[in-house]
Protein backbone atom coordinates (compact mmCIF):
# COMPACT_ATOMS: atom_id res chain seq x y z
CA UNK A 1 -5.18 -4.64 1.51
CA UNK A 2 -6.73 -2.63 4.30
CA UNK A 3 -7.82 0.30 2.16
CA UNK A 4 -8.27 -1.39 -1.21
CA UNK A 5 -5.47 0.42 -3.04
CA UNK A 6 -1.67 0.39 -2.95
CA UNK A 7 -0.09 3.05 -0.74
CA UNK A 8 2.54 4.04 -3.32
CA UNK A 9 3.44 3.58 -6.99
CA UNK A 10 7.02 2.35 -6.53
CA UNK A 11 9.11 1.40 -3.53
CA UNK A 12 11.75 4.08 -4.00
CA UNK A 13 12.63 7.36 -2.38
CA UNK A 14 11.60 9.07 -5.63
CA UNK A 15 7.97 8.19 -4.80
CA UNK A 16 6.75 10.89 -2.40
CA UNK A 17 4.26 8.60 -0.66
CA UNK A 18 6.82 5.83 -0.16
CA UNK A 19 9.30 8.36 1.23
CA UNK A 20 6.68 9.78 3.62
CA UNK A 21 5.60 6.34 4.85
CA UNK A 22 9.12 5.11 5.49
CA UNK A 23 10.31 8.35 7.10
CA UNK A 24 7.86 8.24 9.98
CA UNK A 25 5.08 10.31 8.42
CA UNK A 26 2.53 7.53 7.94
CA UNK A 27 0.19 8.82 10.66
CA UNK A 28 0.05 12.27 9.07
CA UNK A 29 -0.56 10.83 5.60
CA UNK A 30 -3.28 8.47 6.86
CA UNK A 31 -5.01 11.38 8.61
CA UNK A 32 -4.71 13.59 5.51
CA UNK A 33 -6.22 10.83 3.36
CA UNK A 34 -9.05 10.49 5.91
CA UNK A 35 -8.86 6.69 5.84
CA UNK A 36 -10.59 6.21 9.17
CA UNK A 37 -7.91 3.86 10.49
CA UNK A 38 -7.88 3.15 14.22
CA UNK A 39 -5.01 4.53 16.29
CA UNK A 40 -3.84 0.96 16.97
CA UNK A 41 -3.69 0.19 13.24
CA UNK A 42 -1.86 3.43 12.49
CA UNK A 43 0.67 2.51 15.19
CA UNK A 44 1.15 -0.98 13.77
CA UNK A 45 1.59 0.20 10.19
CA UNK A 46 3.86 3.08 11.20
CA UNK A 47 6.14 0.63 12.95
CA UNK A 48 6.05 -1.81 10.01
CA UNK A 49 6.85 0.82 7.34
CA UNK A 50 10.13 2.02 8.85
CA UNK A 51 12.95 2.26 6.30
CA UNK A 52 15.62 0.85 8.60
CA UNK A 53 15.04 -2.92 8.98
CA UNK A 54 16.26 -2.92 12.58
CA UNK A 55 13.64 -0.31 13.40
CA UNK A 56 10.75 -2.38 12.02
CA UNK A 57 8.63 -4.73 14.04
CA UNK A 58 9.55 -8.40 13.89
CA UNK A 59 6.95 -10.99 12.97
CA UNK A 60 6.66 -11.92 16.63
CA UNK A 61 6.07 -8.28 17.59
CA UNK A 62 3.42 -7.95 14.88
CA UNK A 63 1.66 -11.06 16.12
CA UNK A 64 1.32 -9.67 19.66
CA UNK A 65 0.48 -6.09 18.67
CA UNK A 66 -2.86 -4.97 20.20
CA UNK A 67 -4.42 -4.36 16.76
CA UNK A 68 -3.92 -8.03 15.89
CA UNK A 69 -6.07 -8.98 18.88
CA UNK A 70 -8.81 -6.40 18.56
CA UNK A 71 -12.48 -7.23 18.30
CA UNK A 72 -13.27 -9.84 15.70
CA UNK A 73 -15.22 -8.48 12.77
CA UNK A 74 -16.92 -10.81 10.39
CA UNK A 75 -17.37 -9.84 6.75
CA UNK A 76 -20.86 -8.60 5.91
CA UNK A 77 -23.26 -11.23 4.62
CA UNK A 78 -23.94 -10.80 0.92
CA UNK A 79 -27.60 -10.32 0.17
CA UNK A 80 -29.04 -12.00 -2.88
């Protein structure tokens, strides 16, 4: 939703992107793709994509993550 395309084709270790994301390589992949994500967002997503459920952020941890409370940005106004 952030970038406008899905990060992987299938949620399996056979998918190279899925394997990279869930094995702690999200920051490197995001930088390679030149997505322009903020360091706070990369941190949040890296901690959400962990393969081991106990290693992932809880909903409460996500809600208090600094990225969730960053500057408010309104969508651009559509010109007619």
